[in-house]
């Protein structure tokens, strides 16, 4: 249904120029938002995927930190008596960095 110029003039005269202007602006905004909505949805989906990836990365970092802490404890136990103090200094610094 294509509206003629006279139809538009009749509508504007019946509802008033300010109201017609506001309706036109709202219609334009609605069209623009409908056009860009898929891009926002895609962006939101990628953002959620990134959050999940970062959560996995944090869990992996925590596991690696615990493994290194355990390795430092094992190194202190396995060090020969003559080098225990030197090993304890280095493993202590390593444990401090892991906190």
PDB file of N, CA and C in Angstrom:
ATOM      1  N   UNK A   1       0.846  -1.169   0.000  1.00  0.00           N
ATOM      2  CA  UNK A   1       0.000   0.000   0.000  1.00  0.00           C
ATOM      3  C   UNK A   1       0.895   1.238   0.000  1.00  0.00           C
ATOM      4  N   UNK A   2       0.859   1.960  -1.094  1.00  0.00           N
ATOM      5  CA  UNK A   2       1.644   3.185  -1.218  1.00  0.00           C
ATOM      6  C   UNK A   2       0.720   4.363  -0.942  1.00  0.00           C
ATOM      7  N   UNK A   3       1.183   5.199  -0.040  1.00  0.00           N
ATOM      8  CA  UNK A   3       0.353   6.359   0.319  1.00  0.00           C
ATOM      9  C   UNK A   3       0.719   7.537  -0.575  1.00  0.00           C
ATOM     10  N   UNK A   4      -0.284   8.228  -0.993  1.00  0.00           N
ATOM     11  CA  UNK A   4      -0.104   9.409  -1.832  1.00  0.00           C
ATOM     12  C   UNK A   4       0.185  10.617  -0.940  1.00  0.00           C
ATOM     13  N   UNK A   5       0.649  11.675  -1.545  1.00  0.00           N
ATOM     14  CA  UNK A   5       0.951  12.901  -0.813  1.00  0.00           C
ATOM     15  C   UNK A   5      -0.280  13.427  -0.088  1.00  0.00           C
ATOM     16  N   UNK A   6      -1.399  13.334  -0.731  1.00  0.00           N
ATOM     17  CA  UNK A   6      -2.638  13.829  -0.107  1.00  0.00           C
ATOM     18  C   UNK A   6      -2.978  13.023   1.154  1.00  0.00           C
ATOM     19  N   UNK A   7      -2.696  11.723   1.138  1.00  0.00           N
ATOM     20  CA  UNK A   7      -2.941  10.892   2.325  1.00  0.00           C
ATOM     21  C   UNK A   7      -2.057  11.347   3.487  1.00  0.00           C
ATOM     22  N   UNK A   8      -0.798  11.644   3.194  1.00  0.00           N
ATOM     23  CA  UNK A   8       0.122  12.111   4.235  1.00  0.00           C
ATOM     24  C   UNK A   8      -0.349  13.456   4.799  1.00  0.00           C
ATOM     25  N   UNK A   9      -0.773  14.324   3.932  1.00  0.00           N
ATOM     26  CA  UNK A   9      -1.254  15.642   4.382  1.00  0.00           C
ATOM     27  C   UNK A   9      -2.483  15.481   5.265  1.00  0.00           C
ATOM     28  N   UNK A  10      -3.367  14.580   4.914  1.00  0.00           N
ATOM     29  CA  UNK A  10      -4.568  14.330   5.717  1.00  0.00           C
ATOM     30  C   UNK A  10      -4.199  13.803   7.102  1.00  0.00           C
ATOM     31  N   UNK A  11      -3.240  12.888   7.150  1.00  0.00           N
ATOM     32  CA  UNK A  11      -2.809  12.334   8.446  1.00  0.00           C
ATOM     33  C   UNK A  11      -2.198  13.430   9.307  1.00  0.00           C
ATOM     34  N   UNK A  12      -1.307  14.233   8.734  1.00  0.00           N
ATOM     35  CA  UNK A  12      -0.655  15.306   9.494  1.00  0.00           C
ATOM     36  C   UNK A  12      -1.684  16.308   9.988  1.00  0.00           C
ATOM     37  N   UNK A  13      -2.663  16.655   9.166  1.00  0.00           N
ATOM     38  CA  UNK A  13      -3.704  17.600   9.589  1.00  0.00           C
ATOM     39  C   UNK A  13      -4.575  17.024  10.696  1.00  0.00           C
ATOM     40  N   UNK A  14      -4.815  15.724  10.669  1.00  0.00           N
ATOM     41  CA  UNK A  14      -5.704  15.142  11.678  1.00  0.00           C
ATOM     42  C   UNK A  14      -5.006  14.954  13.028  1.00  0.00           C
ATOM     43  N   UNK A  15      -3.711  14.645  13.039  1.00  0.00           N
ATOM     44  CA  UNK A  15      -3.028  14.426  14.332  1.00  0.00           C
ATOM     45  C   UNK A  15      -2.192  15.621  14.768  1.00  0.00           C
ATOM     46  N   UNK A  16      -1.912  16.527  13.896  1.00  0.00           N
ATOM     47  CA  UNK A  16      -1.121  17.703  14.246  1.00  0.00           C
ATOM     48  C   UNK A  16       0.325  17.534  13.817  1.00  0.00           C
ATOM     49  N   UNK A  17       0.959  18.628  13.483  1.00  0.00           N
ATOM     50  CA  UNK A  17       2.331  18.603  12.988  1.00  0.00           C
ATOM     51  C   UNK A  17       3.336  18.107  14.037  1.00  0.00           C
ATOM     52  N   UNK A  18       3.285  18.597  15.301  1.00  0.00           N
ATOM     53  CA  UNK A  18       4.252  18.098  16.288  1.00  0.00           C
ATOM     54  C   UNK A  18       4.120  16.592  16.528  1.00  0.00           C
ATOM     55  N   UNK A  19       2.892  16.112  16.598  1.00  0.00           N
ATOM     56  CA  UNK A  19       2.685  14.679  16.818  1.00  0.00           C
ATOM     57  C   UNK A  19       3.187  13.881  15.624  1.00  0.00           C
ATOM     58  N   UNK A  20       2.922  14.355  14.433  1.00  0.00           N
ATOM     59  CA  UNK A  20       3.403  13.668  13.229  1.00  0.00           C
ATOM     60  C   UNK A  20       4.927  13.642  13.200  1.00  0.00           C
ATOM     61  N   UNK A  21       5.546  14.742  13.599  1.00  0.00           N
ATOM     62  CA  UNK A  21       7.008  14.805  13.640  1.00  0.00           C
ATOM     63  C   UNK A  21       7.572  13.793  14.636  1.00  0.00           C
ATOM     64  N   UNK A  22       6.976  13.710  15.818  1.00  0.00           N
ATOM     65  CA  UNK A  22       7.427  12.754  16.838  1.00  0.00           C
ATOM     66  C   UNK A  22       7.232  11.322  16.351  1.00  0.00           C
ATOM     67  N   UNK A  23       6.094  11.052  15.738  1.00  0.00           N
ATOM     68  CA  UNK A  23       5.849   9.703  15.214  1.00  0.00           C
ATOM     69  C   UNK A  23       6.875   9.355  14.137  1.00  0.00           C
ATOM     70  N   UNK A  24       7.187  10.316  13.279  1.00  0.00           N
ATOM     71  CA  UNK A  24       8.192  10.084  12.240  1.00  0.00           C
ATOM     72  C   UNK A  24       9.562   9.799  12.858  1.00  0.00           C
ATOM     73  N   UNK A  25       9.941  10.554  13.871  1.00  0.00           N
ATOM     74  CA  UNK A  25      11.222  10.313  14.546  1.00  0.00           C
ATOM     75  C   UNK A  25      11.254   8.940  15.207  1.00  0.00           C
ATOM     76  N   UNK A  26      10.164   8.574  15.858  1.00  0.00           N
ATOM     77  CA  UNK A  26      10.104   7.260  16.508  1.00  0.00           C
ATOM     78  C   UNK A  26      10.171   6.137  15.474  1.00  0.00           C
ATOM     79  N   UNK A  27       9.503   6.322  14.342  1.00  0.00           N
ATOM     80  CA  UNK A  27       9.551   5.323  13.277  1.00  0.00           C
ATOM     81  C   UNK A  27      10.983   5.180  12.744  1.00  0.00           C
ATOM     82  N   UNK A  28      11.652   6.303  12.541  1.00  0.00           N
ATOM     83  CA  UNK A  28      13.038   6.268  12.071  1.00  0.00           C
ATOM     84  C   UNK A  28      13.959   5.588  13.069  1.00  0.00           C
ATOM     85  N   UNK A  29      13.784   5.906  14.337  1.00  0.00           N
ATOM     86  CA  UNK A  29      14.593   5.281  15.382  1.00  0.00           C
ATOM     87  C   UNK A  29      14.346   3.778  15.430  1.00  0.00           C
ATOM     88  N   UNK A  30      13.097   3.379  15.304  1.00  0.00           N
ATOM     89  CA  UNK A  30      12.750   1.963  15.319  1.00  0.00           C
ATOM     90  C   UNK A  30      13.429   1.236  14.155  1.00  0.00           C
ATOM     91  N   UNK A  31      13.439   1.847  12.982  1.00  0.00           N
ATOM     92  CA  UNK A  31      14.075   1.232  11.812  1.00  0.00           C
ATOM     93  C   UNK A  31      15.591   1.101  12.012  1.00  0.00           C
ATOM     94  N   UNK A  32      16.195   2.135  12.549  1.00  0.00           N
ATOM     95  CA  UNK A  32      17.643   2.098  12.787  1.00  0.00           C
ATOM     96  C   UNK A  32      17.980   1.020  13.813  1.00  0.00           C
ATOM     97  N   UNK A  33      17.224   0.963  14.897  1.00  0.00           N
ATOM     98  CA  UNK A  33      17.499  -0.038  15.930  1.00  0.00           C
ATOM     99  C   UNK A  33      17.293  -1.457  15.408  1.00  0.00           C
ATOM    100  N   UNK A  34      16.288  -1.656  14.577  1.00  0.00           N
ATOM    101  CA  UNK A  34      16.082  -2.978  13.975  1.00  0.00           C
ATOM    102  C   UNK A  34      17.242  -3.345  13.064  1.00  0.00           C
ATOM    103  N   UNK A  35      17.841  -2.362  12.419  1.00  0.00           N
ATOM    104  CA  UNK A  35      18.950  -2.625  11.505  1.00  0.00           C
ATOM    105  C   UNK A  35      20.227  -2.985  12.254  1.00  0.00           C
ATOM    106  N   UNK A  36      20.461  -2.365  13.407  1.00  0.00           N
ATOM    107  CA  UNK A  36      21.717  -2.619  14.125  1.00  0.00           C
ATOM    108  C   UNK A  36      21.586  -3.675  15.213  1.00  0.00           C
ATOM    109  N   UNK A  37      20.395  -4.132  15.514  1.00  0.00           N
ATOM    110  CA  UNK A  37      20.201  -5.125  16.575  1.00  0.00           C
ATOM    111  C   UNK A  37      21.002  -6.408  16.347  1.00  0.00           C
ATOM    112  N   UNK A  38      21.084  -6.954  15.140  1.00  0.00           N
ATOM    113  CA  UNK A  38      21.882  -8.174  14.952  1.00  0.00           C
ATOM    114  C   UNK A  38      23.354  -7.985  15.311  1.00  0.00           C
ATOM    115  N   UNK A  39      23.882  -6.797  15.065  1.00  0.00           N
ATOM    116  CA  UNK A  39      25.283  -6.542  15.403  1.00  0.00           C
ATOM    117  C   UNK A  39      25.486  -6.537  16.919  1.00  0.00           C
ATOM    118  N   UNK A  40      24.542  -5.957  17.646  1.00  0.00           N
ATOM    119  CA  UNK A  40      24.636  -5.968  19.102  1.00  0.00           C
ATOM    120  C   UNK A  40      24.502  -7.382  19.647  1.00  0.00           C
ATOM    121  N   UNK A  41      23.626  -8.180  19.063  1.00  0.00           N
ATOM    122  CA  UNK A  41      23.455  -9.561  19.504  1.00  0.00           C
ATOM    123  C   UNK A  41      24.727 -10.358  19.256  1.00  0.00           C
ATOM    124  N   UNK A  42      25.343 -10.164  18.103  1.00  0.00           N
ATOM    125  CA  UNK A  42      26.596 -10.848  17.793  1.00  0.00           C
ATOM    126  C   UNK A  42      27.696 -10.420  18.753  1.00  0.00           C
ATOM    127  N   UNK A  43      27.762  -9.143  19.043  1.00  0.00           N
ATOM    128  CA  UNK A  43      28.755  -8.630  19.984  1.00  0.00           C
ATOM    129  C   UNK A  43      28.545  -9.217  21.373  1.00  0.00           C
ATOM    130  N   UNK A  44      27.296  -9.299  21.807  1.00  0.00           N
ATOM    131  CA  UNK A  44      26.979  -9.868  23.116  1.00  0.00           C
ATOM    132  C   UNK A  44      27.383 -11.342  23.179  1.00  0.00           C
ATOM    133  N   UNK A  45      27.114 -12.081  22.110  1.00  0.00           N
ATOM    134  CA  UNK A  45      27.470 -13.497  22.070  1.00  0.00           C
ATOM    135  C   UNK A  45      28.984 -13.674  22.156  1.00  0.00           C
ATOM    136  N   UNK A  46      29.724 -12.876  21.409  1.00  0.00           N
ATOM    137  CA  UNK A  46      31.190 -12.965  21.454  1.00  0.00           C
ATOM    138  C   UNK A  46      31.720 -12.570  22.827  1.00  0.00           C
ATOM    139  N   UNK A  47      31.096 -11.592  23.451  1.00  0.00           N
ATOM    140  CA  UNK A  47      31.508 -11.168  24.788  1.00  0.00           C
ATOM    141  C   UNK A  47      31.306 -12.305  25.789  1.00  0.00           C
ATOM    142  N   UNK A  48      30.176 -13.004  25.703  1.00  0.00           N
ATOM    143  CA  UNK A  48      29.914 -14.137  26.600  1.00  0.00           C
ATOM    144  C   UNK A  48      30.930 -15.255  26.377  1.00  0.00           C
ATOM    145  N   UNK A  49      31.286 -15.513  25.117  1.00  0.00           N
ATOM    146  CA  UNK A  49      32.301 -16.524  24.822  1.00  0.00           C
ATOM    147  C   UNK A  49      33.651 -16.122  25.407  1.00  0.00           C
ATOM    148  N   UNK A  50      33.994 -14.841  25.320  1.00  0.00           N
ATOM    149  CA  UNK A  50      35.252 -14.354  25.888  1.00  0.00           C
ATOM    150  C   UNK A  50      35.270 -14.532  27.400  1.00  0.00           C
ATOM    151  N   UNK A  51      34.155 -14.251  28.059  1.00  0.00           N
ATOM    152  CA  UNK A  51      34.081 -14.416  29.510  1.00  0.00           C
ATOM    153  C   UNK A  51      34.323 -15.871  29.890  1.00  0.00           C
ATOM    154  N   UNK A  52      33.710 -16.804  29.162  1.00  0.00           N
ATOM    155  CA  UNK A  52      33.917 -18.227  29.446  1.00  0.00           C
ATOM    156  C   UNK A  52      35.375 -18.618  29.223  1.00  0.00           C
ATOM    157  N   UNK A  53      35.983 -18.105  28.179  1.00  0.00           N
ATOM    158  CA  UNK A  53      37.391 -18.395  27.902  1.00  0.00           C
ATOM    159  C   UNK A  53      38.288 -17.849  29.016  1.00  0.00           C
ATOM    160  N   UNK A  54      37.980 -16.657  29.500  1.00  0.00           N
ATOM    161  CA  UNK A  54      38.772 -16.072  30.587  1.00  0.00           C
ATOM    162  C   UNK A  54      38.594 -16.848  31.884  1.00  0.00           C
ATOM    163  N   UNK A  55      37.387 -17.341  32.150  1.00  0.00           N
ATOM    164  CA  UNK A  55      37.166 -18.171  33.341  1.00  0.00           C
ATOM    165  C   UNK A  55      38.016 -19.434  33.271  1.00  0.00           C
ATOM    166  N   UNK A  56      38.055 -20.064  32.089  1.00  0.00           N
ATOM    167  CA  UNK A  56      38.876 -21.260  31.901  1.00  0.00           C
ATOM    168  C   UNK A  56      40.349 -20.930  32.112  1.00  0.00           C
ATOM    169  N   UNK A  57      40.778 -19.804  31.594  1.00  0.00           N
ATOM    170  CA  UNK A  57      42.170 -19.387  31.740  1.00  0.00           C
ATOM    171  C   UNK A  57      42.536 -19.160  33.206  1.00  0.00           C
ATOM    172  N   UNK A  58      41.634 -18.543  33.963  1.00  0.00           N
ATOM    173  CA  UNK A  58      41.892 -18.303  35.389  1.00  0.00           C
ATOM    174  C   UNK A  58      41.988 -19.631  36.135  1.00  0.00           C
ATOM    175  N   UNK A  59      41.097 -20.578  35.806  1.00  0.00           N
ATOM    176  CA  UNK A  59      41.158 -21.895  36.457  1.00  0.00           C
ATOM    177  C   UNK A  59      42.480 -22.585  36.146  1.00  0.00           C
ATOM    178  N   UNK A  60      42.933 -22.494  34.879  1.00  0.00           N
ATOM    179  CA  UNK A  60      44.211 -23.100  34.502  1.00  0.00           C
ATOM    180  C   UNK A  60      45.370 -22.441  35.237  1.00  0.00           C
ATOM    181  N   UNK A  61      45.330 -21.125  35.380  1.00  0.00           N
ATOM    182  CA  UNK A  61      46.390 -20.414  36.112  1.00  0.00           C
ATOM    183  C   UNK A  61      46.418 -20.840  37.577  1.00  0.00           C
ATOM    184  N   UNK A  62      45.242 -21.016  38.169  1.00  0.00           N
ATOM    185  CA  UNK A  62      45.188 -21.478  39.558  1.00  0.00           C
ATOM    186  C   UNK A  62      45.793 -22.873  39.692  1.00  0.00           C
ATOM    187  N   UNK A  63      45.469 -23.761  38.750  1.00  0.00           N
ATOM    188  CA  UNK A  63      46.037 -25.118  38.779  1.00  0.00           C
ATOM    189  C   UNK A  63      47.553 -25.067  38.645  1.00  0.00           C
ATOM    190  N   UNK A  64      48.043 -24.240  37.722  1.00  0.00           N
ATOM    191  CA  UNK A  64      49.489 -24.126  37.524  1.00  0.00           C
ATOM    192  C   UNK A  64      50.173 -23.554  38.762  1.00  0.00           C
ATOM    193  N   UNK A  65      49.542 -22.585  39.404  1.00  0.00           N
ATOM    194  CA  UNK A  65      50.106 -22.021  40.630  1.00  0.00           C
ATOM    195  C   UNK A  65      50.207 -23.056  41.739  1.00  0.00           C
ATOM    196  N   UNK A  66      49.162 -23.865  41.889  1.00  0.00           N
ATOM    197  CA  UNK A  66      49.192 -24.929  42.905  1.00  0.00           C
ATOM    198  C   UNK A  66      50.269 -25.957  42.582  1.00  0.00           C
ATOM    199  N   UNK A  67      50.418 -26.287  41.294  1.00  0.00           N
ATOM    200  CA  UNK A  67      51.446 -27.251  40.894  1.00  0.00           C
ATOM    201  C   UNK A  67      52.845 -26.703  41.180  1.00  0.00           C
ATOM    202  N   UNK A  68      53.069 -25.433  40.899  1.00  0.00           N
ATOM    203  CA  UNK A  68      54.378 -24.837  41.184  1.00  0.00           C
ATOM    204  C   UNK A  68      54.641 -24.758  42.683  1.00  0.00           C
ATOM    205  N   UNK A  69      53.606 -24.479  43.450  1.00  0.00           N
ATOM    206  CA  UNK A  69      53.753 -24.441  44.909  1.00  0.00           C
ATOM    207  C   UNK A  69      54.129 -25.830  45.418  1.00  0.00           C
ATOM    208  N   UNK A  70      53.480 -26.850  44.880  1.00  0.00           N
ATOM    209  CA  UNK A  70      53.793 -28.225  45.264  1.00  0.00           C
ATOM    210  C   UNK A  70      55.222 -28.584  44.841  1.00  0.00           C
ATOM    211  N   UNK A  71      55.647 -28.134  43.663  1.00  0.00           N
ATOM    212  CA  UNK A  71      57.011 -28.402  43.203  1.00  0.00           C
ATOM    213  C   UNK A  71      58.038 -27.731  44.111  1.00  0.00           C
ATOM    214  N   UNK A  72      57.737 -26.533  44.594  1.00  0.00           N
ATOM    215  CA  UNK A  72      58.654 -25.848  45.515  1.00  0.00           C
ATOM    216  C   UNK A  72      58.769 -26.623  46.823  1.00  0.00           C
ATOM    217  N   UNK A  73      57.639 -27.130  47.324  1.00  0.00           N
ATOM    218  CA  UNK A  73      57.689 -27.946  48.544  1.00  0.00           C
ATOM    219  C   UNK A  73      58.519 -29.204  48.322  1.00  0.00           C
ATOM    220  N   UNK A  74      58.326 -29.851  47.168  1.00  0.00           N
ATOM    221  CA  UNK A  74      59.085 -31.069  46.866  1.00  0.00           C
ATOM    222  C   UNK A  74      60.571 -30.758  46.739  1.00  0.00           C
ATOM    223  N   UNK A  75      60.909 -29.632  46.158  1.00  0.00           N
ATOM    224  CA  UNK A  75      62.312 -29.249  46.006  1.00  0.00           C
ATOM    225  C   UNK A  75      62.971 -29.039  47.367  1.00  0.00           C
ATOM    226  N   UNK A  76      62.245 -28.436  48.300  1.00  0.00           N
ATOM    227  CA  UNK A  76      62.791 -28.248  49.648  1.00  0.00           C
ATOM    228  C   UNK A  76      63.057 -29.587  50.318  1.00  0.00           C
ATOM    229  N   UNK A  77      62.177 -30.539  50.113  1.00  0.00           N
ATOM    230  CA  UNK A  77      62.332 -31.855  50.744  1.00  0.00           C
ATOM    231  C   UNK A  77      63.476 -32.628  50.109  1.00  0.00           C
ATOM    232  N   UNK A  78      63.633 -32.535  48.801  1.00  0.00           N
ATOM    233  CA  UNK A  78      64.630 -33.331  48.090  1.00  0.00           C
ATOM    234  C   UNK A  78      66.024 -32.712  48.082  1.00  0.00           C
ATOM    235  N   UNK A  79      66.153 -31.476  48.496  1.00  0.00           N
ATOM    236  CA  UNK A  79      67.460 -30.803  48.462  1.00  0.00           C
ATOM    237  C   UNK A  79      68.414 -31.449  49.463  1.00  0.00           C
ATOM    238  N   UNK A  80      69.687 -31.565  49.081  1.00  0.00           N
ATOM    239  CA  UNK A  80      70.671 -32.108  50.029  1.00  0.00           C
ATOM    240  C   UNK A  80      70.825 -31.168  51.233  1.00  0.00           C
ATOM    241  N   UNK A  81      71.254 -31.730  52.337  1.00  0.00           N
ATOM    242  CA  UNK A  81      71.353 -30.964  53.583  1.00  0.00           C
ATOM    243  C   UNK A  81      72.273 -29.752  53.431  1.00  0.00           C
ATOM    244  N   UNK A  82      73.334 -29.881  52.636  1.00  0.00           N
ATOM    245  CA  UNK A  82      74.282 -28.779  52.480  1.00  0.00           C
ATOM    246  C   UNK A  82      73.670 -27.584  51.723  1.00  0.00           C
ATOM    247  N   UNK A  83      72.639 -27.812  50.952  1.00  0.00           N
ATOM    248  CA  UNK A  83      72.054 -26.735  50.147  1.00  0.00           C
ATOM    249  C   UNK A  83      70.640 -26.383  50.582  1.00  0.00           C
ATOM    250  N   UNK A  84      70.194 -26.914  51.699  1.00  0.00           N
ATOM    251  CA  UNK A  84      68.818 -26.680  52.160  1.00  0.00           C
ATOM    252  C   UNK A  84      68.522 -25.194  52.334  1.00  0.00           C
ATOM    253  N   UNK A  85      69.448 -24.456  52.937  1.00  0.00           N
ATOM    254  CA  UNK A  85      69.191 -23.039  53.206  1.00  0.00           C
ATOM    255  C   UNK A  85      69.075 -22.242  51.908  1.00  0.00           C
ATOM    256  N   UNK A  86      69.955 -22.496  50.950  1.00  0.00           N
ATOM    257  CA  UNK A  86      69.902 -21.788  49.665  1.00  0.00           C
ATOM    258  C   UNK A  86      68.614 -22.136  48.916  1.00  0.00           C
ATOM    259  N   UNK A  87      68.235 -23.406  48.966  1.00  0.00           N
ATOM    260  CA  UNK A  87      67.006 -23.840  48.294  1.00  0.00           C
ATOM    261  C   UNK A  87      65.800 -23.200  48.968  1.00  0.00           C
ATOM    262  N   UNK A  88      65.817 -23.139  50.287  1.00  0.00           N
ATOM    263  CA  UNK A  88      64.692 -22.569  51.031  1.00  0.00           C
ATOM    264  C   UNK A  88      64.499 -21.082  50.680  1.00  0.00           C
ATOM    265  N   UNK A  89      65.596 -20.362  50.479  1.00  0.00           N
ATOM    266  CA  UNK A  89      65.505 -18.944  50.105  1.00  0.00           C
ATOM    267  C   UNK A  89      64.811 -18.801  48.743  1.00  0.00           C
ATOM    268  N   UNK A  90      65.247 -19.609  47.784  1.00  0.00           N
ATOM    269  CA  UNK A  90      64.686 -19.515  46.431  1.00  0.00           C
ATOM    270  C   UNK A  90      63.244 -20.020  46.371  1.00  0.00           C
ATOM    271  N   UNK A  91      62.957 -21.107  47.053  1.00  0.00           N
ATOM    272  CA  UNK A  91      61.576 -21.616  47.029  1.00  0.00           C
ATOM    273  C   UNK A  91      60.646 -20.681  47.797  1.00  0.00           C
ATOM    274  N   UNK A  92      61.175 -20.035  48.834  1.00  0.00           N
ATOM    275  CA  UNK A  92      60.360 -19.049  49.559  1.00  0.00           C
ATOM    276  C   UNK A  92      59.999 -17.875  48.664  1.00  0.00           C
ATOM    277  N   UNK A  93      60.982 -17.407  47.878  1.00  0.00           N
ATOM    278  CA  UNK A  93      60.712 -16.315  46.933  1.00  0.00           C
ATOM    279  C   UNK A  93      59.717 -16.763  45.861  1.00  0.00           C
ATOM    280  N   UNK A  94      59.857 -18.009  45.434  1.00  0.00           N
ATOM    281  CA  UNK A  94      58.933 -18.547  44.431  1.00  0.00           C
ATOM    282  C   UNK A  94      57.513 -18.619  44.981  1.00  0.00           C
ATOM    283  N   UNK A  95      57.370 -19.085  46.206  1.00  0.00           N
ATOM    284  CA  UNK A  95      56.042 -19.176  46.832  1.00  0.00           C
ATOM    285  C   UNK A  95      55.445 -17.784  47.038  1.00  0.00           C
ATOM    286  N   UNK A  96      56.301 -16.825  47.360  1.00  0.00           N
ATOM    287  CA  UNK A  96      55.824 -15.450  47.555  1.00  0.00           C
ATOM    288  C   UNK A  96      55.299 -14.871  46.235  1.00  0.00           C
ATOM    289  N   UNK A  97      55.998 -15.181  45.139  1.00  0.00           N
ATOM    290  CA  UNK A  97      55.539 -14.713  43.822  1.00  0.00           C
ATOM    291  C   UNK A  97      54.226 -15.362  43.407  1.00  0.00           C
ATOM    292  N   UNK A  98      53.965 -16.570  43.888  1.00  0.00           N
ATOM    293  CA  UNK A  98      52.743 -17.290  43.515  1.00  0.00           C
ATOM    294  C   UNK A  98      51.514 -16.800  44.268  1.00  0.00           C
ATOM    295  N   UNK A  99      51.705 -16.015  45.317  1.00  0.00           N
ATOM    296  CA  UNK A  99      50.547 -15.545  46.090  1.00  0.00           C
ATOM    297  C   UNK A  99      49.783 -14.499  45.341  1.00  0.00           C
TER     298      UNK A  99
END
